[in-house]
Amino acid sequence: MEEFNQNTAPIAKENKGKPYLMAAAKIIAFLIIMLIVSGVFSALLMVLVNLSPVFGGWVLFHYLQEIAMLIGTCVSAYIILCHWEKLPFISLGLSIKGRGKDIFWGGMVAFALYAIGFGILWMLGEIRVIKVGFDLGGLVLSWGLMLLVAITEEICVRGFVLGRLLNSGMNKYLALFLSAFLFSILHLFNPNFSMLPFINILLAGLLLGFMYIYTRNLWFPISLHLFWNWLQGPVLGFEVSGADFDKTLLTLNLPTKSILNGGDFGFEGSIICTVLIAILIGVLWFTQHRRKE
């Protein structure tokens, strides 16, 4: 946690012309290239394994989809960073040297949030554990899938989008909000999406982006994102952003679907999630400002 004030990623300031428009152009180009490349690779991978979402295995299908998305994200970011900005790809914030503490604390924050949130819901009778089914293979496979999701989304939203906004000279709080808003919009078509999940994912985007701003490195956000999703779904048995898993460590029963337990969207649809993330953002903001004084 001691390294949170270090800005280690190279910054390419847009000093000429209209920097905000240039940043917007890069972000739009990035998203277009990413969608095209991801679509092409997704189709190729499906053909290679003769798989479809109807007849193929759930895990393999989603692995291929996430691999295609990661390839599209990395190719798009590489083209714009290396050929437009003349910056190395690693300047997104992917340098891992000395980032063991970031990875550790990212995971610990996720564990702490779910220990508190799950405990509160259980004590209130909002969730009941009706089955425990340990499947090591399933947990490992789901962990790998969540890792792909975390790396892809953090490179896209924090490393590229938030990074370009910050490099344009935009106020860091405005840049943080815009990237978090985009992060929430990306979940708009998830099953059972509504206003409270929108707010909670926006807050999660603020939390993840906050840590990126103070480190200019992605490994804390990647770790927090990874363990947040993995604990929520494959381990604790909630839906993850509206999507459920066939095999989970715990099988839950919700006596009633409410804003306390999140209903069909999972813990990210819970008002308890809102409060916990808001408190954590406040604590981190206060801590960082105290360290600056």
Protein backbone atom coordinates (compact mmCIF):
# COMPACT_ATOMS: atom_id res chain seq x y z
CA MET A 1 0.00 0.00 0.00
CA GLU A 2 2.98 2.30 0.47
CA GLU A 3 3.45 2.68 -3.29
CA PHE A 4 0.08 4.23 -4.06
CA ASN A 5 1.45 7.72 -4.69
CA GLN A 6 4.00 6.67 -7.29
CA ASN A 7 3.17 7.55 -10.90
CA THR A 8 5.34 5.08 -12.76
CA ALA A 9 3.72 4.92 -16.20
CA PRO A 10 5.12 7.25 -18.89
CA ILE A 11 2.75 10.10 -19.67
CA ALA A 12 2.38 11.62 -23.13
CA LYS A 13 0.89 15.07 -22.63
CA GLU A 14 -1.15 16.43 -25.52
CA ASN A 15 0.35 19.92 -25.78
CA LYS A 16 -0.77 20.80 -29.29
CA GLY A 17 -4.19 21.59 -30.68
CA LYS A 18 -7.25 20.50 -28.71
CA PRO A 19 -6.11 17.81 -26.26
CA TYR A 20 -9.60 16.71 -25.16
CA LEU A 21 -10.71 16.18 -28.77
CA MET A 22 -7.51 14.27 -29.47
CA ALA A 23 -8.11 12.05 -26.44
CA ALA A 24 -11.70 11.45 -27.57
CA ALA A 25 -10.51 10.55 -31.08
CA LYS A 26 -8.05 8.03 -29.65
CA ILE A 27 -10.70 6.46 -27.43
CA ILE A 28 -13.21 6.16 -30.29
CA ALA A 29 -10.55 4.69 -32.59
CA PHE A 30 -9.52 2.28 -29.85
CA LEU A 31 -13.08 1.04 -29.32
CA ILE A 32 -13.73 0.61 -33.05
CA ILE A 33 -10.50 -1.33 -33.65
CA MET A 34 -11.08 -3.42 -30.52
CA LEU A 35 -14.58 -4.44 -31.63
CA ILE A 36 -13.43 -5.32 -35.15
CA VAL A 37 -10.40 -7.35 -34.05
CA SER A 38 -12.31 -9.06 -31.23
CA GLY A 39 -15.12 -9.98 -33.62
CA VAL A 40 -12.73 -11.46 -36.17
CA PHE A 41 -10.81 -13.49 -33.58
CA SER A 42 -14.01 -14.64 -31.90
CA ALA A 43 -15.33 -15.97 -35.21
CA LEU A 44 -12.01 -17.66 -36.02
CA LEU A 45 -11.79 -19.32 -32.62
CA MET A 46 -15.36 -20.59 -32.90
CA VAL A 47 -14.67 -22.07 -36.32
CA LEU A 48 -11.42 -23.68 -35.17
CA VAL A 49 -13.07 -25.59 -32.35
CA ASN A 50 -16.39 -26.10 -34.17
CA LEU A 51 -18.20 -24.53 -31.24
CA SER A 52 -21.40 -22.54 -30.84
CA PRO A 53 -23.07 -21.04 -27.76
CA VAL A 54 -25.89 -23.55 -28.20
CA PHE A 55 -23.94 -26.79 -28.50
CA GLY A 56 -20.63 -25.91 -26.88
CA GLY A 57 -19.59 -26.09 -23.27
CA TRP A 58 -20.31 -22.96 -21.21
CA VAL A 59 -16.77 -22.60 -19.86
CA LEU A 60 -15.02 -23.17 -23.20
CA PHE A 61 -17.37 -20.80 -25.01
CA HIS A 62 -16.77 -17.98 -22.53
CA TYR A 63 -13.02 -18.63 -22.45
CA LEU A 64 -12.88 -18.21 -26.22
CA GLN A 65 -14.99 -15.05 -26.05
CA GLU A 66 -12.76 -13.52 -23.38
CA ILE A 67 -9.56 -14.51 -25.19
CA ALA A 68 -10.91 -12.82 -28.33
CA MET A 69 -11.79 -9.69 -26.33
CA LEU A 70 -8.34 -9.61 -24.72
CA ILE A 71 -6.64 -9.97 -28.11
CA GLY A 72 -8.79 -7.20 -29.57
CA THR A 73 -8.11 -4.92 -26.61
CA CYS A 74 -4.34 -5.47 -26.69
CA VAL A 75 -4.05 -5.13 -30.47
CA SER A 76 -6.07 -1.92 -30.47
CA ALA A 77 -4.13 -0.42 -27.57
CA TYR A 78 -0.82 -1.42 -29.18
CA ILE A 79 -1.70 0.25 -32.48
CA ILE A 80 -2.66 3.55 -30.87
CA LEU A 81 0.01 3.68 -28.17
CA CYS A 82 2.96 2.49 -30.22
CA HIS A 83 2.09 4.00 -33.61
CA TRP A 84 0.13 7.13 -32.63
CA GLU A 85 1.52 8.18 -29.26
CA LYS A 86 4.94 6.57 -29.75
CA LEU A 87 4.76 5.04 -26.28
CA PRO A 88 5.59 1.46 -25.25
CA PHE A 89 2.64 -0.88 -24.70
CA ILE A 90 3.65 -1.37 -21.07
CA SER A 91 2.98 2.34 -20.47
CA LEU A 92 -0.67 1.39 -19.98
CA GLY A 93 0.42 0.52 -16.46
CA LEU A 94 1.36 -3.13 -16.93
CA SER A 95 4.81 -3.05 -15.36
CA ILE A 96 4.72 -5.79 -12.74
CA LYS A 97 8.13 -5.20 -11.14
CA GLY A 98 7.69 -4.38 -7.46
CA ARG A 99 3.91 -4.72 -7.68
CA GLY A 100 3.51 -7.77 -5.47
CA LYS A 101 2.03 -5.63 -2.70
CA ASP A 102 -0.51 -4.13 -5.08
CA ILE A 103 -1.64 -7.59 -6.17
CA PHE A 104 -1.81 -8.78 -2.55
CA TRP A 105 -3.78 -5.78 -1.28
CA GLY A 106 -6.14 -5.82 -4.23
CA GLY A 107 -7.13 -9.37 -3.34
CA MET A 108 -7.33 -8.56 0.38
CA VAL A 109 -9.68 -5.64 -0.25
CA ALA A 110 -12.01 -7.92 -2.24
CA PHE A 111 -11.93 -10.57 0.51
CA ALA A 112 -12.65 -7.96 3.19
CA LEU A 113 -15.57 -6.43 1.28
CA TYR A 114 -17.20 -9.82 0.74
CA ALA A 115 -16.53 -11.03 4.27
CA ILE A 116 -18.39 -7.98 5.58
CA GLY A 117 -21.12 -7.93 2.93
CA PHE A 118 -21.82 -11.68 3.03
CA GLY A 119 -21.75 -11.65 6.82
CA ILE A 120 -24.28 -8.82 7.04
CA LEU A 121 -26.65 -10.48 4.56
CA TRP A 122 -26.40 -13.83 6.35
CA MET A 123 -27.07 -12.30 9.77
CA LEU A 124 -30.07 -10.39 8.40
CA GLY A 125 -31.47 -13.59 6.93
CA GLU A 126 -31.29 -12.17 3.39
CA ILE A 127 -29.31 -15.18 2.14
CA ARG A 128 -29.20 -18.83 3.14
CA VAL A 129 -26.51 -21.37 2.30
CA ILE A 130 -28.33 -24.52 1.20
CA LYS A 131 -25.41 -26.48 -0.24
CA VAL A 132 -21.62 -26.61 -0.21
CA GLY A 133 -20.06 -28.31 -3.22
CA PHE A 134 -16.27 -28.22 -3.57
CA ASP A 135 -15.09 -28.58 -7.17
CA LEU A 136 -11.40 -27.67 -7.43
CA GLY A 137 -11.36 -27.90 -11.21
CA GLY A 138 -14.38 -25.64 -11.52
CA LEU A 139 -12.91 -23.07 -9.13
CA VAL A 140 -9.60 -23.01 -11.01
CA LEU A 141 -11.29 -22.70 -14.41
CA SER A 142 -13.56 -19.92 -13.20
CA TRP A 143 -10.57 -18.13 -11.62
CA GLY A 144 -8.81 -18.20 -14.99
CA LEU A 145 -11.91 -16.87 -16.73
CA MET A 146 -12.26 -14.05 -14.20
CA LEU A 147 -8.57 -13.22 -14.68
CA LEU A 148 -9.12 -12.78 -18.43
CA VAL A 149 -12.14 -10.55 -17.74
CA ALA A 150 -10.23 -8.43 -15.22
CA ILE A 151 -7.17 -7.92 -17.42
CA THR A 152 -9.27 -7.06 -20.47
CA GLU A 153 -11.55 -4.58 -18.73
CA GLU A 154 -8.77 -2.90 -16.75
CA ILE A 155 -6.56 -2.44 -19.82
CA CYS A 156 -9.56 -1.04 -21.68
CA VAL A 157 -11.20 1.25 -19.13
CA ARG A 158 -8.43 2.21 -16.72
CA GLY A 159 -5.21 1.71 -18.70
CA PHE A 160 -6.38 3.11 -22.02
CA VAL A 161 -9.48 5.28 -21.53
CA LEU A 162 -8.63 6.80 -18.14
CA GLY A 163 -4.97 7.00 -19.13
CA ARG A 164 -5.75 9.00 -22.31
CA LEU A 165 -8.05 11.37 -20.39
CA LEU A 166 -5.40 12.00 -17.75
CA ASN A 167 -2.71 12.51 -20.38
CA SER A 168 -4.89 15.12 -22.09
CA GLY A 169 -4.58 17.30 -19.01
CA MET A 170 -8.20 16.79 -17.96
CA ASN A 171 -9.03 17.28 -14.28
CA LYS A 172 -8.35 13.92 -12.65
CA TYR A 173 -11.73 13.78 -10.91
CA LEU A 174 -13.61 14.47 -14.13
CA ALA A 175 -11.49 11.89 -15.95
CA LEU A 176 -12.17 9.41 -13.16
CA PHE A 177 -15.93 9.97 -13.34
CA LEU A 178 -16.07 9.69 -17.14
CA SER A 179 -14.13 6.42 -17.16
CA ALA A 180 -16.30 5.00 -14.35
CA PHE A 181 -19.45 6.07 -16.22
CA LEU A 182 -18.21 4.25 -19.34
CA PHE A 183 -17.42 1.20 -17.20
CA SER A 184 -21.01 1.11 -15.95
CA ILE A 185 -22.43 1.71 -19.44
CA LEU A 186 -20.50 -1.34 -20.69
CA HIS A 187 -22.68 -3.46 -18.37
CA LEU A 188 -25.92 -1.90 -19.63
CA PHE A 189 -27.09 -5.01 -21.48
CA ASN A 190 -26.29 -7.46 -18.69
CA PRO A 191 -29.27 -9.51 -17.47
CA ASN A 192 -31.43 -7.83 -14.79
CA PHE A 193 -29.57 -4.52 -15.05
CA SER A 194 -31.26 -1.59 -13.27
CA MET A 195 -30.46 1.74 -11.61
CA LEU A 196 -28.91 0.36 -8.40
CA PRO A 197 -26.52 -1.98 -10.26
CA PHE A 198 -25.65 0.98 -12.51
CA ILE A 199 -24.75 3.05 -9.43
CA ASN A 200 -22.77 0.23 -7.83
CA ILE A 201 -20.75 -0.51 -10.97
CA LEU A 202 -20.14 3.23 -11.33
CA LEU A 203 -18.82 3.28 -7.74
CA ALA A 204 -16.68 0.21 -8.48
CA GLY A 205 -15.28 2.06 -11.49
CA LEU A 206 -14.47 5.05 -9.26
CA LEU A 207 -12.72 2.76 -6.79
CA LEU A 208 -10.67 0.96 -9.45
CA GLY A 209 -9.88 4.21 -11.24
CA PHE A 210 -8.90 5.92 -8.00
CA MET A 211 -6.21 3.33 -7.41
CA TYR A 212 -5.00 3.64 -11.01
CA ILE A 213 -4.67 7.42 -10.70
CA TYR A 214 -2.49 7.12 -7.60
CA THR A 215 -0.29 4.34 -8.95
CA ARG A 216 -0.50 4.75 -12.75
CA ASN A 217 -0.32 0.97 -12.63
CA LEU A 218 -3.00 -1.65 -13.31
CA TRP A 219 -2.07 -4.49 -10.99
CA PHE A 220 -4.02 -3.35 -7.93
CA PRO A 221 -7.20 -2.80 -10.02
CA ILE A 222 -6.69 -6.10 -11.87
CA SER A 223 -6.30 -8.02 -8.60
CA LEU A 224 -9.29 -6.34 -6.95
CA HIS A 225 -11.44 -6.85 -10.07
CA LEU A 226 -10.39 -10.49 -10.39
CA PHE A 227 -11.09 -11.49 -6.80
CA TRP A 228 -14.25 -9.37 -6.62
CA ASN A 229 -15.82 -11.32 -9.50
CA TRP A 230 -14.42 -14.71 -8.50
CA LEU A 231 -15.54 -14.50 -4.88
CA GLN A 232 -18.93 -13.13 -5.85
CA GLY A 233 -19.87 -15.89 -8.29
CA PRO A 234 -17.87 -19.13 -8.31
CA VAL A 235 -17.13 -19.04 -4.56
CA LEU A 236 -20.11 -17.43 -2.80
CA GLY A 237 -22.79 -18.30 -5.34
CA PHE A 238 -24.13 -14.86 -6.25
CA GLU A 239 -24.83 -13.86 -9.82
CA VAL A 240 -21.95 -11.81 -11.25
CA SER A 241 -23.36 -8.66 -12.85
CA GLY A 242 -26.53 -10.58 -13.63
CA ALA A 243 -24.82 -13.72 -14.98
CA ASP A 244 -24.97 -16.97 -13.01
CA PHE A 245 -22.57 -19.92 -12.80
CA ASP A 246 -23.48 -23.61 -13.08
CA LYS A 247 -21.03 -24.74 -10.40
CA THR A 248 -20.26 -22.69 -7.29
CA LEU A 249 -18.71 -23.49 -3.94
CA LEU A 250 -21.81 -22.25 -2.10
CA THR A 251 -25.36 -22.57 -3.36
CA LEU A 252 -27.51 -19.73 -2.04
CA ASN A 253 -31.20 -19.31 -1.48
CA LEU A 254 -32.69 -15.82 -1.34
CA PRO A 255 -35.87 -15.87 0.81
CA THR A 256 -36.96 -12.72 -1.04
CA LYS A 257 -35.29 -10.81 -3.84
CA SER A 258 -34.63 -7.31 -2.54
CA ILE A 259 -32.26 -4.36 -2.74
CA LEU A 260 -30.54 -5.77 0.34
CA ASN A 261 -29.39 -9.04 -1.27
CA GLY A 262 -29.28 -7.76 -4.86
CA GLY A 263 -31.85 -10.19 -6.25
CA ASP A 264 -31.15 -11.58 -9.71
CA PHE A 265 -28.24 -9.22 -10.39
CA GLY A 266 -26.15 -10.49 -7.50
CA PHE A 267 -24.33 -8.61 -4.76
CA GLU A 268 -23.63 -5.74 -7.16
CA GLY A 269 -27.37 -5.04 -7.05
CA SER A 270 -27.36 -4.67 -3.26
CA ILE A 271 -27.60 -1.42 -1.29
CA ILE A 272 -25.09 -2.95 1.13
CA CYS A 273 -22.62 -3.10 -1.76
CA THR A 274 -23.30 0.61 -2.38
CA VAL A 275 -22.51 1.54 1.22
CA LEU A 276 -19.37 -0.62 1.47
CA ILE A 277 -17.80 0.68 -1.75
CA ALA A 278 -18.67 4.29 -0.89
CA ILE A 279 -17.05 3.91 2.54
CA LEU A 280 -13.94 2.34 1.02
CA ILE A 281 -13.60 5.14 -1.55
CA GLY A 282 -13.92 7.70 1.26
CA VAL A 283 -11.29 5.94 3.39
CA LEU A 284 -8.82 5.67 0.51
CA TRP A 285 -9.37 9.30 -0.54
CA PHE A 286 -8.85 10.51 3.04
CA THR A 287 -5.75 8.32 3.46
CA GLN A 288 -4.13 9.57 0.27
CA HIS A 289 -4.77 13.22 1.10
CA ARG A 290 -3.37 12.76 4.59
CA ARG A 291 -0.20 11.28 3.11
CA LYS A 292 0.21 14.29 0.84
CA GLU A 293 0.09 16.73 3.76
